[in-house]
Amino acid sequence: MKKYCVMLRGENFNIEESDIVGFYTSRWVKAENPDQAEIAAVKLVKEDSNLMNRITNGKVNPPMIYLEDLFEVTWLTFLRRNPGAGYSFFSDESPVTANK
């Protein structure tokens, strides 16, 4: 199985009581191919209850997660970074960095 660093961009994330609308994040995953790596990384974000429990979007206006970049990494790099956490949030105006 190959190891990947997957960089994601979240948009239309209405975070409770803030002007945050999106984020950038990286996740480190094992997968057979790049498509499966993207799916695994998105799943990790969607399973982050700390983030998902703070979203106030309705079903009419759902948040979206997009692939920004993806690259294969060595096993040593993967071991040092696995699985990744935290987000760099942004509003309509400027970036705001925060960890979970």
PDB file of N, CA and C in Angstrom:
ATOM      1  N   MET A   1       0.843  -1.176   0.000  1.00  0.00           N
ATOM      2  CA  MET A   1       0.000   0.000   0.000  1.00  0.00           C
ATOM      3  C   MET A   1       0.893   1.246   0.000  1.00  0.00           C
ATOM      4  N   LYS A   2       0.506   2.255  -0.768  1.00  0.00           N
ATOM      5  CA  LYS A   2       1.284   3.482  -0.871  1.00  0.00           C
ATOM      6  C   LYS A   2       0.875   4.467   0.222  1.00  0.00           C
ATOM      7  N   LYS A   3       1.750   5.428   0.475  1.00  0.00           N
ATOM      8  CA  LYS A   3       1.482   6.465   1.466  1.00  0.00           C
ATOM      9  C   LYS A   3       1.369   7.803   0.753  1.00  0.00           C
ATOM     10  N   TYR A   4       0.399   8.627   1.202  1.00  0.00           N
ATOM     11  CA  TYR A   4       0.125   9.897   0.536  1.00  0.00           C
ATOM     12  C   TYR A   4      -0.070  11.025   1.538  1.00  0.00           C
ATOM     13  N   CYS A   5       0.300  12.216   1.108  1.00  0.00           N
ATOM     14  CA  CYS A   5      -0.102  13.445   1.790  1.00  0.00           C
ATOM     15  C   CYS A   5      -1.188  14.059   0.911  1.00  0.00           C
ATOM     16  N   VAL A   6      -2.343  14.299   1.501  1.00  0.00           N
ATOM     17  CA  VAL A   6      -3.481  14.837   0.766  1.00  0.00           C
ATOM     18  C   VAL A   6      -3.827  16.197   1.360  1.00  0.00           C
ATOM     19  N   MET A   7      -3.789  17.210   0.526  1.00  0.00           N
ATOM     20  CA  MET A   7      -4.122  18.561   0.960  1.00  0.00           C
ATOM     21  C   MET A   7      -5.542  18.874   0.496  1.00  0.00           C
ATOM     22  N   LEU A   8      -6.389  19.284   1.446  1.00  0.00           N
ATOM     23  CA  LEU A   8      -7.799  19.530   1.171  1.00  0.00           C
ATOM     24  C   LEU A   8      -8.182  20.975   1.463  1.00  0.00           C
ATOM     25  N   ARG A   9      -9.219  21.444   0.768  1.00  0.00           N
ATOM     26  CA  ARG A   9      -9.796  22.768   1.018  1.00  0.00           C
ATOM     27  C   ARG A   9     -11.278  22.585   1.304  1.00  0.00           C
ATOM     28  N   GLY A  10     -11.709  23.079   2.439  1.00  0.00           N
ATOM     29  CA  GLY A  10     -13.122  23.050   2.787  1.00  0.00           C
ATOM     30  C   GLY A  10     -13.731  24.406   2.499  1.00  0.00           C
ATOM     31  N   GLU A  11     -14.901  24.413   1.884  1.00  0.00           N
ATOM     32  CA  GLU A  11     -15.606  25.662   1.591  1.00  0.00           C
ATOM     33  C   GLU A  11     -17.042  25.567   2.073  1.00  0.00           C
ATOM     34  N   ASN A  12     -17.602  26.743   2.367  1.00  0.00           N
ATOM     35  CA  ASN A  12     -18.989  26.849   2.795  1.00  0.00           C
ATOM     36  C   ASN A  12     -19.215  26.152   4.138  1.00  0.00           C
ATOM     37  N   PHE A  13     -18.224  26.233   5.005  1.00  0.00           N
ATOM     38  CA  PHE A  13     -18.339  25.694   6.358  1.00  0.00           C
ATOM     39  C   PHE A  13     -18.732  26.845   7.280  1.00  0.00           C
ATOM     40  N   ASN A  14     -19.995  26.927   7.626  1.00  0.00           N
ATOM     41  CA  ASN A  14     -20.442  27.954   8.561  1.00  0.00           C
ATOM     42  C   ASN A  14     -20.187  27.433   9.969  1.00  0.00           C
ATOM     43  N   ILE A  15     -19.141  27.967  10.597  1.00  0.00           N
ATOM     44  CA  ILE A  15     -18.772  27.541  11.942  1.00  0.00           C
ATOM     45  C   ILE A  15     -19.504  28.424  12.951  1.00  0.00           C
ATOM     46  N   GLU A  16     -20.140  27.814  13.926  1.00  0.00           N
ATOM     47  CA  GLU A  16     -20.981  28.520  14.891  1.00  0.00           C
ATOM     48  C   GLU A  16     -20.321  29.790  15.433  1.00  0.00           C
ATOM     49  N   GLU A  17     -21.099  30.851  15.443  1.00  0.00           N
ATOM     50  CA  GLU A  17     -20.721  32.135  16.027  1.00  0.00           C
ATOM     51  C   GLU A  17     -19.380  32.674  15.532  1.00  0.00           C
ATOM     52  N   SER A  18     -19.076  32.533  14.236  1.00  0.00           N
ATOM     53  CA  SER A  18     -17.853  33.098  13.683  1.00  0.00           C
ATOM     54  C   SER A  18     -18.079  33.439  12.221  1.00  0.00           C
ATOM     55  N   ASP A  19     -17.101  34.114  11.638  1.00  0.00           N
ATOM     56  CA  ASP A  19     -17.188  34.423  10.211  1.00  0.00           C
ATOM     57  C   ASP A  19     -16.334  33.462   9.384  1.00  0.00           C
ATOM     58  N   ILE A  20     -15.971  32.326   9.976  1.00  0.00           N
ATOM     59  CA  ILE A  20     -15.189  31.311   9.270  1.00  0.00           C
ATOM     60  C   ILE A  20     -16.059  30.663   8.201  1.00  0.00           C
ATOM     61  N   VAL A  21     -15.508  30.552   7.010  1.00  0.00           N
ATOM     62  CA  VAL A  21     -16.257  29.918   5.926  1.00  0.00           C
ATOM     63  C   VAL A  21     -15.498  28.760   5.287  1.00  0.00           C
ATOM     64  N   GLY A  22     -14.232  28.579   5.643  1.00  0.00           N
ATOM     65  CA  GLY A  22     -13.489  27.494   5.024  1.00  0.00           C
ATOM     66  C   GLY A  22     -12.192  27.186   5.748  1.00  0.00           C
ATOM     67  N   PHE A  23     -11.462  26.223   5.189  1.00  0.00           N
ATOM     68  CA  PHE A  23     -10.200  25.819   5.796  1.00  0.00           C
ATOM     69  C   PHE A  23      -9.330  25.116   4.771  1.00  0.00           C
ATOM     70  N   TYR A  24      -8.062  25.007   5.111  1.00  0.00           N
ATOM     71  CA  TYR A  24      -7.109  24.141   4.422  1.00  0.00           C
ATOM     72  C   TYR A  24      -6.593  23.157   5.467  1.00  0.00           C
ATOM     73  N   THR A  25      -6.332  21.927   5.046  1.00  0.00           N
ATOM     74  CA  THR A  25      -5.784  20.926   5.952  1.00  0.00           C
ATOM     75  C   THR A  25      -5.062  19.851   5.150  1.00  0.00           C
ATOM     76  N   SER A  26      -4.150  19.160   5.794  1.00  0.00           N
ATOM     77  CA  SER A  26      -3.446  18.028   5.187  1.00  0.00           C
ATOM     78  C   SER A  26      -3.731  16.781   5.999  1.00  0.00           C
ATOM     79  N   ARG A  27      -3.888  15.683   5.305  1.00  0.00           N
ATOM     80  CA  ARG A  27      -4.051  14.391   5.961  1.00  0.00           C
ATOM     81  C   ARG A  27      -3.116  13.396   5.299  1.00  0.00           C
ATOM     82  N   TRP A  28      -2.554  12.511   6.102  1.00  0.00           N
ATOM     83  CA  TRP A  28      -1.589  11.507   5.659  1.00  0.00           C
ATOM     84  C   TRP A  28      -2.277  10.160   5.716  1.00  0.00           C
ATOM     85  N   VAL A  29      -2.381   9.503   4.571  1.00  0.00           N
ATOM     86  CA  VAL A  29      -3.157   8.266   4.488  1.00  0.00           C
ATOM     87  C   VAL A  29      -2.410   7.190   3.703  1.00  0.00           C
ATOM     88  N   LYS A  30      -2.815   5.939   3.937  1.00  0.00           N
ATOM     89  CA  LYS A  30      -2.355   4.802   3.141  1.00  0.00           C
ATOM     90  C   LYS A  30      -3.490   4.436   2.191  1.00  0.00           C
ATOM     91  N   ALA A  31      -3.142   4.175   0.929  1.00  0.00           N
ATOM     92  CA  ALA A  31      -4.156   3.811  -0.049  1.00  0.00           C
ATOM     93  C   ALA A  31      -3.502   3.110  -1.230  1.00  0.00           C
ATOM     94  N   GLU A  32      -4.311   2.416  -1.996  1.00  0.00           N
ATOM     95  CA  GLU A  32      -3.824   1.710  -3.185  1.00  0.00           C
ATOM     96  C   GLU A  32      -3.496   2.664  -4.329  1.00  0.00           C
ATOM     97  N   ASN A  33      -4.218   3.804  -4.393  1.00  0.00           N
ATOM     98  CA  ASN A  33      -4.020   4.743  -5.495  1.00  0.00           C
ATOM     99  C   ASN A  33      -4.457   6.142  -5.056  1.00  0.00           C
ATOM    100  N   PRO A  34      -4.186   7.165  -5.869  1.00  0.00           N
ATOM    101  CA  PRO A  34      -4.540   8.540  -5.493  1.00  0.00           C
ATOM    102  C   PRO A  34      -6.039   8.759  -5.246  1.00  0.00           C
ATOM    103  N   ASP A  35      -6.896   8.128  -6.032  1.00  0.00           N
ATOM    104  CA  ASP A  35      -8.338   8.298  -5.825  1.00  0.00           C
ATOM    105  C   ASP A  35      -8.769   7.799  -4.448  1.00  0.00           C
ATOM    106  N   GLN A  36      -8.263   6.638  -4.063  1.00  0.00           N
ATOM    107  CA  GLN A  36      -8.593   6.101  -2.741  1.00  0.00           C
ATOM    108  C   GLN A  36      -7.973   6.950  -1.632  1.00  0.00           C
ATOM    109  N   ALA A  37      -6.814   7.545  -1.894  1.00  0.00           N
ATOM    110  CA  ALA A  37      -6.177   8.423  -0.909  1.00  0.00           C
ATOM    111  C   ALA A  37      -7.045   9.649  -0.654  1.00  0.00           C
ATOM    112  N   GLU A  38      -7.580  10.231  -1.711  1.00  0.00           N
ATOM    113  CA  GLU A  38      -8.474  11.394  -1.558  1.00  0.00           C
ATOM    114  C   GLU A  38      -9.699  11.017  -0.732  1.00  0.00           C
ATOM    115  N   ILE A  39     -10.302   9.894  -1.042  1.00  0.00           N
ATOM    116  CA  ILE A  39     -11.494   9.440  -0.312  1.00  0.00           C
ATOM    117  C   ILE A  39     -11.170   9.223   1.165  1.00  0.00           C
ATOM    118  N   ALA A  40     -10.031   8.598   1.455  1.00  0.00           N
ATOM    119  CA  ALA A  40      -9.642   8.335   2.848  1.00  0.00           C
ATOM    120  C   ALA A  40      -9.401   9.639   3.606  1.00  0.00           C
ATOM    121  N   ALA A  41      -8.770  10.617   2.956  1.00  0.00           N
ATOM    122  CA  ALA A  41      -8.491  11.895   3.620  1.00  0.00           C
ATOM    123  C   ALA A  41      -9.777  12.660   3.909  1.00  0.00           C
ATOM    124  N   VAL A  42     -10.684  12.688   2.960  1.00  0.00           N
ATOM    125  CA  VAL A  42     -11.971  13.362   3.173  1.00  0.00           C
ATOM    126  C   VAL A  42     -12.733  12.680   4.303  1.00  0.00           C
ATOM    127  N   LYS A  43     -12.673  11.365   4.348  1.00  0.00           N
ATOM    128  CA  LYS A  43     -13.347  10.614   5.428  1.00  0.00           C
ATOM    129  C   LYS A  43     -12.797  11.018   6.792  1.00  0.00           C
ATOM    130  N   LEU A  44     -11.470  11.188   6.899  1.00  0.00           N
ATOM    131  CA  LEU A  44     -10.883  11.613   8.176  1.00  0.00           C
ATOM    132  C   LEU A  44     -11.430  12.964   8.626  1.00  0.00           C
ATOM    133  N   VAL A  45     -11.576  13.894   7.687  1.00  0.00           N
ATOM    134  CA  VAL A  45     -12.125  15.213   8.035  1.00  0.00           C
ATOM    135  C   VAL A  45     -13.588  15.080   8.444  1.00  0.00           C
ATOM    136  N   LYS A  46     -14.358  14.314   7.685  1.00  0.00           N
ATOM    137  CA  LYS A  46     -15.780  14.158   7.995  1.00  0.00           C
ATOM    138  C   LYS A  46     -16.005  13.446   9.328  1.00  0.00           C
ATOM    139  N   GLU A  47     -15.038  12.647   9.766  1.00  0.00           N
ATOM    140  CA  GLU A  47     -15.153  11.945  11.050  1.00  0.00           C
ATOM    141  C   GLU A  47     -14.624  12.777  12.217  1.00  0.00           C
ATOM    142  N   ASP A  48     -14.147  13.980  11.948  1.00  0.00           N
ATOM    143  CA  ASP A  48     -13.638  14.862  12.996  1.00  0.00           C
ATOM    144  C   ASP A  48     -14.827  15.540  13.683  1.00  0.00           C
ATOM    145  N   SER A  49     -15.280  14.961  14.767  1.00  0.00           N
ATOM    146  CA  SER A  49     -16.473  15.471  15.446  1.00  0.00           C
ATOM    147  C   SER A  49     -16.242  16.869  16.010  1.00  0.00           C
ATOM    148  N   ASN A  50     -15.005  17.199  16.356  1.00  0.00           N
ATOM    149  CA  ASN A  50     -14.699  18.538  16.857  1.00  0.00           C
ATOM    150  C   ASN A  50     -15.047  19.598  15.815  1.00  0.00           C
ATOM    151  N   LEU A  51     -14.815  19.311  14.557  1.00  0.00           N
ATOM    152  CA  LEU A  51     -15.164  20.233  13.471  1.00  0.00           C
ATOM    153  C   LEU A  51     -16.642  20.096  13.103  1.00  0.00           C
ATOM    154  N   MET A  52     -17.069  18.896  12.844  1.00  0.00           N
ATOM    155  CA  MET A  52     -18.421  18.680  12.314  1.00  0.00           C
ATOM    156  C   MET A  52     -19.527  19.096  13.277  1.00  0.00           C
ATOM    157  N   ASN A  53     -19.297  18.986  14.573  1.00  0.00           N
ATOM    158  CA  ASN A  53     -20.316  19.378  15.546  1.00  0.00           C
ATOM    159  C   ASN A  53     -20.484  20.891  15.644  1.00  0.00           C
ATOM    160  N   ARG A  54     -19.575  21.646  15.047  1.00  0.00           N
ATOM    161  CA  ARG A  54     -19.641  23.113  15.116  1.00  0.00           C
ATOM    162  C   ARG A  54     -20.219  23.739  13.840  1.00  0.00           C
ATOM    163  N   ILE A  55     -20.550  22.921  12.857  1.00  0.00           N
ATOM    164  CA  ILE A  55     -21.071  23.430  11.592  1.00  0.00           C
ATOM    165  C   ILE A  55     -22.561  23.727  11.730  1.00  0.00           C
ATOM    166  N   THR A  56     -22.970  24.897  11.233  1.00  0.00           N
ATOM    167  CA  THR A  56     -24.371  25.307  11.347  1.00  0.00           C
ATOM    168  C   THR A  56     -25.089  25.320  10.003  1.00  0.00           C
ATOM    169  N   ASN A  57     -24.472  24.788   8.966  1.00  0.00           N
ATOM    170  CA  ASN A  57     -25.112  24.746   7.642  1.00  0.00           C
ATOM    171  C   ASN A  57     -26.355  23.870   7.682  1.00  0.00           C
ATOM    172  N   GLY A  58     -27.318  24.252   6.864  1.00  0.00           N
ATOM    173  CA  GLY A  58     -28.479  23.395   6.658  1.00  0.00           C
ATOM    174  C   GLY A  58     -28.225  22.482   5.466  1.00  0.00           C
ATOM    175  N   LYS A  59     -29.144  21.574   5.211  1.00  0.00           N
ATOM    176  CA  LYS A  59     -28.990  20.639   4.091  1.00  0.00           C
ATOM    177  C   LYS A  59     -29.087  21.337   2.738  1.00  0.00           C
ATOM    178  N   VAL A  60     -29.726  22.496   2.693  1.00  0.00           N
ATOM    179  CA  VAL A  60     -29.874  23.235   1.445  1.00  0.00           C
ATOM    180  C   VAL A  60     -28.540  23.828   0.995  1.00  0.00           C
ATOM    181  N   ASN A  61     -27.687  24.167   1.934  1.00  0.00           N
ATOM    182  CA  ASN A  61     -26.429  24.850   1.661  1.00  0.00           C
ATOM    183  C   ASN A  61     -25.267  24.077   2.304  1.00  0.00           C
ATOM    184  N   PRO A  62     -24.976  22.850   1.844  1.00  0.00           N
ATOM    185  CA  PRO A  62     -23.997  22.001   2.542  1.00  0.00           C
ATOM    186  C   PRO A  62     -22.553  22.449   2.345  1.00  0.00           C
ATOM    187  N   PRO A  63     -21.689  22.147   3.311  1.00  0.00           N
ATOM    188  CA  PRO A  63     -20.260  22.410   3.140  1.00  0.00           C
ATOM    189  C   PRO A  63     -19.668  21.440   2.117  1.00  0.00           C
ATOM    190  N   MET A  64     -18.568  21.847   1.491  1.00  0.00           N
ATOM    191  CA  MET A  64     -17.925  21.026   0.473  1.00  0.00           C
ATOM    192  C   MET A  64     -16.433  20.888   0.793  1.00  0.00           C
ATOM    193  N   ILE A  65     -15.853  19.748   0.420  1.00  0.00           N
ATOM    194  CA  ILE A  65     -14.422  19.504   0.599  1.00  0.00           C
ATOM    195  C   ILE A  65     -13.839  19.170  -0.763  1.00  0.00           C
ATOM    196  N   TYR A  66     -12.760  19.893  -1.128  1.00  0.00           N
ATOM    197  CA  TYR A  66     -12.125  19.729  -2.435  1.00  0.00           C
ATOM    198  C   TYR A  66     -10.668  19.306  -2.290  1.00  0.00           C
ATOM    199  N   LEU A  67     -10.191  18.557  -3.242  1.00  0.00           N
ATOM    200  CA  LEU A  67      -8.785  18.177  -3.298  1.00  0.00           C
ATOM    201  C   LEU A  67      -7.973  19.364  -3.804  1.00  0.00           C
ATOM    202  N   GLU A  68      -6.968  19.777  -3.045  1.00  0.00           N
ATOM    203  CA  GLU A  68      -6.054  20.838  -3.461  1.00  0.00           C
ATOM    204  C   GLU A  68      -4.798  20.250  -4.089  1.00  0.00           C
ATOM    205  N   ASP A  69      -4.239  19.230  -3.425  1.00  0.00           N
ATOM    206  CA  ASP A  69      -3.014  18.610  -3.912  1.00  0.00           C
ATOM    207  C   ASP A  69      -2.886  17.240  -3.266  1.00  0.00           C
ATOM    208  N   LEU A  70      -2.119  16.392  -3.904  1.00  0.00           N
ATOM    209  CA  LEU A  70      -1.925  15.040  -3.399  1.00  0.00           C
ATOM    210  C   LEU A  70      -0.577  14.562  -3.922  1.00  0.00           C
ATOM    211  N   PHE A  71       0.228  14.000  -3.037  1.00  0.00           N
ATOM    212  CA  PHE A  71       1.490  13.445  -3.505  1.00  0.00           C
ATOM    213  C   PHE A  71       1.889  12.252  -2.650  1.00  0.00           C
ATOM    214  N   GLU A  72       2.589  11.336  -3.289  1.00  0.00           N
ATOM    215  CA  GLU A  72       3.067  10.139  -2.613  1.00  0.00           C
ATOM    216  C   GLU A  72       4.285  10.511  -1.775  1.00  0.00           C
ATOM    217  N   VAL A  73       4.399   9.911  -0.593  1.00  0.00           N
ATOM    218  CA  VAL A  73       5.516  10.180   0.306  1.00  0.00           C
ATOM    219  C   VAL A  73       6.222   8.877   0.675  1.00  0.00           C
ATOM    220  N   THR A  74       7.417   9.006   1.205  1.00  0.00           N
ATOM    221  CA  THR A  74       8.165   7.835   1.650  1.00  0.00           C
ATOM    222  C   THR A  74       7.571   7.318   2.958  1.00  0.00           C
ATOM    223  N   TRP A  75       7.879   6.082   3.290  1.00  0.00           N
ATOM    224  CA  TRP A  75       7.358   5.505   4.533  1.00  0.00           C
ATOM    225  C   TRP A  75       7.874   6.253   5.751  1.00  0.00           C
ATOM    226  N   LEU A  76       9.117   6.754   5.704  1.00  0.00           N
ATOM    227  CA  LEU A  76       9.676   7.486   6.839  1.00  0.00           C
ATOM    228  C   LEU A  76       8.944   8.810   7.053  1.00  0.00           C
ATOM    229  N   THR A  77       8.689   9.534   5.979  1.00  0.00           N
ATOM    230  CA  THR A  77       7.924  10.782   6.085  1.00  0.00           C
ATOM    231  C   THR A  77       6.533  10.500   6.622  1.00  0.00           C
ATOM    232  N   PHE A  78       5.923   9.447   6.133  1.00  0.00           N
ATOM    233  CA  PHE A  78       4.582   9.076   6.579  1.00  0.00           C
ATOM    234  C   PHE A  78       4.556   8.784   8.080  1.00  0.00           C
ATOM    235  N   LEU A  79       5.536   8.043   8.562  1.00  0.00           N
ATOM    236  CA  LEU A  79       5.576   7.695   9.991  1.00  0.00           C
ATOM    237  C   LEU A  79       5.722   8.925  10.873  1.00  0.00           C
ATOM    238  N   ARG A  80       6.444   9.924  10.397  1.00  0.00           N
ATOM    239  CA  ARG A  80       6.645  11.143  11.192  1.00  0.00           C
ATOM    240  C   ARG A  80       5.422  12.049  11.198  1.00  0.00           C
ATOM    241  N   ARG A  81       4.526  11.905  10.244  1.00  0.00           N
ATOM    242  CA  ARG A  81       3.408  12.832  10.102  1.00  0.00           C
ATOM    243  C   ARG A  81       2.033  12.229  10.340  1.00  0.00           C
ATOM    244  N   ASN A  82       1.914  10.945  10.404  1.00  0.00           N
ATOM    245  CA  ASN A  82       0.639  10.250  10.427  1.00  0.00           C
ATOM    246  C   ASN A  82      -0.245  10.668  11.597  1.00  0.00           C
ATOM    247  N   PRO A  83      -1.558  10.894  11.465  1.00  0.00           N
ATOM    248  CA  PRO A  83      -2.322  11.058  10.229  1.00  0.00           C
ATOM    249  C   PRO A  83      -2.537  12.516   9.843  1.00  0.00           C
ATOM    250  N   GLY A  84      -2.104  13.439  10.677  1.00  0.00           N
ATOM    251  CA  GLY A  84      -2.330  14.860  10.395  1.00  0.00           C
ATOM    252  C   GLY A  84      -3.524  15.350  11.196  1.00  0.00           C
ATOM    253  N   ALA A  85      -3.491  16.607  11.559  1.00  0.00           N
ATOM    254  CA  ALA A  85      -4.589  17.198  12.328  1.00  0.00           C
ATOM    255  C   ALA A  85      -4.515  18.706  12.184  1.00  0.00           C
ATOM    256  N   GLY A  86      -5.548  19.358  12.635  1.00  0.00           N
ATOM    257  CA  GLY A  86      -5.571  20.808  12.616  1.00  0.00           C
ATOM    258  C   GLY A  86      -6.050  21.367  11.285  1.00  0.00           C
ATOM    259  N   TYR A  87      -6.341  22.649  11.314  1.00  0.00           N
ATOM    260  CA  TYR A  87      -6.902  23.339  10.166  1.00  0.00           C
ATOM    261  C   TYR A  87      -6.344  24.757  10.120  1.00  0.00           C
ATOM    262  N   SER A  88      -6.236  25.297   8.936  1.00  0.00           N
ATOM    263  CA  SER A  88      -5.979  26.722   8.742  1.00  0.00           C
ATOM    264  C   SER A  88      -7.284  27.303   8.221  1.00  0.00           C
ATOM    265  N   PHE A  89      -8.019  27.950   9.121  1.00  0.00           N
ATOM    266  CA  PHE A  89      -9.333  28.481   8.777  1.00  0.00           C
ATOM    267  C   PHE A  89      -9.205  29.824   8.075  1.00  0.00           C
ATOM    268  N   PHE A  90     -10.198  30.142   7.251  1.00  0.00           N
ATOM    269  CA  PHE A  90     -10.249  31.457   6.631  1.00  0.00           C
ATOM    270  C   PHE A  90     -11.686  31.954   6.588  1.00  0.00           C
ATOM    271  N   SER A  91     -11.796  33.274   6.566  1.00  0.00           N
ATOM    272  CA  SER A  91     -13.097  33.913   6.412  1.00  0.00           C
ATOM    273  C   SER A  91     -13.120  34.525   5.013  1.00  0.00           C
ATOM    274  N   ASP A  92     -14.099  35.330   4.759  1.00  0.00           N
ATOM    275  CA  ASP A  92     -14.153  36.011   3.465  1.00  0.00           C
ATOM    276  C   ASP A  92     -13.043  37.037   3.330  1.00  0.00           C
ATOM    277  N   GLU A  93     -12.413  37.406   4.448  1.00  0.00           N
ATOM    278  CA  GLU A  93     -11.442  38.482   4.425  1.00  0.00           C
ATOM    279  C   GLU A  93      -9.988  38.027   4.554  1.00  0.00           C
ATOM    280  N   SER A  94      -9.676  37.197   5.569  1.00  0.00           N
ATOM    281  CA  SER A  94      -8.281  36.877   5.803  1.00  0.00           C
ATOM    282  C   SER A  94      -8.119  35.506   6.448  1.00  0.00           C
ATOM    283  N   PRO A  95      -6.912  34.878   6.302  1.00  0.00           N
ATOM    284  CA  PRO A  95      -6.673  33.579   6.918  1.00  0.00           C
ATOM    285  C   PRO A  95      -6.541  33.671   8.438  1.00  0.00           C
ATOM    286  N   VAL A  96      -7.000  32.634   9.118  1.00  0.00           N
ATOM    287  CA  VAL A  96      -6.843  32.488  10.554  1.00  0.00           C
ATOM    288  C   VAL A  96      -6.376  31.078  10.815  1.00  0.00           C
ATOM    289  N   THR A  97      -5.263  30.886  11.522  1.00  0.00           N
ATOM    290  CA  THR A  97      -4.739  29.545  11.762  1.00  0.00           C
ATOM    291  C   THR A  97      -5.138  29.078  13.151  1.00  0.00           C
ATOM    292  N   ALA A  98      -5.579  27.814  13.229  1.00  0.00           N
ATOM    293  CA  ALA A  98      -5.962  27.245  14.519  1.00  0.00           C
ATOM    294  C   ALA A  98      -5.744  25.732  14.479  1.00  0.00           C
ATOM    295  N   ASN A  99      -5.430  25.178  15.611  1.00  0.00           N
ATOM    296  CA  ASN A  99      -5.335  23.721  15.766  1.00  0.00           C
ATOM    297  C   ASN A  99      -6.507  23.258  16.578  1.00  0.00           C
ATOM    298  N   LYS A 100      -6.811  21.978  16.445  1.00  0.00           N
ATOM    299  CA  LYS A 100      -7.923  21.467  17.229  1.00  0.00           C
ATOM    300  C   LYS A 100      -7.528  21.211  18.641  1.00  0.00           C
TER     301      LYS A 100
END
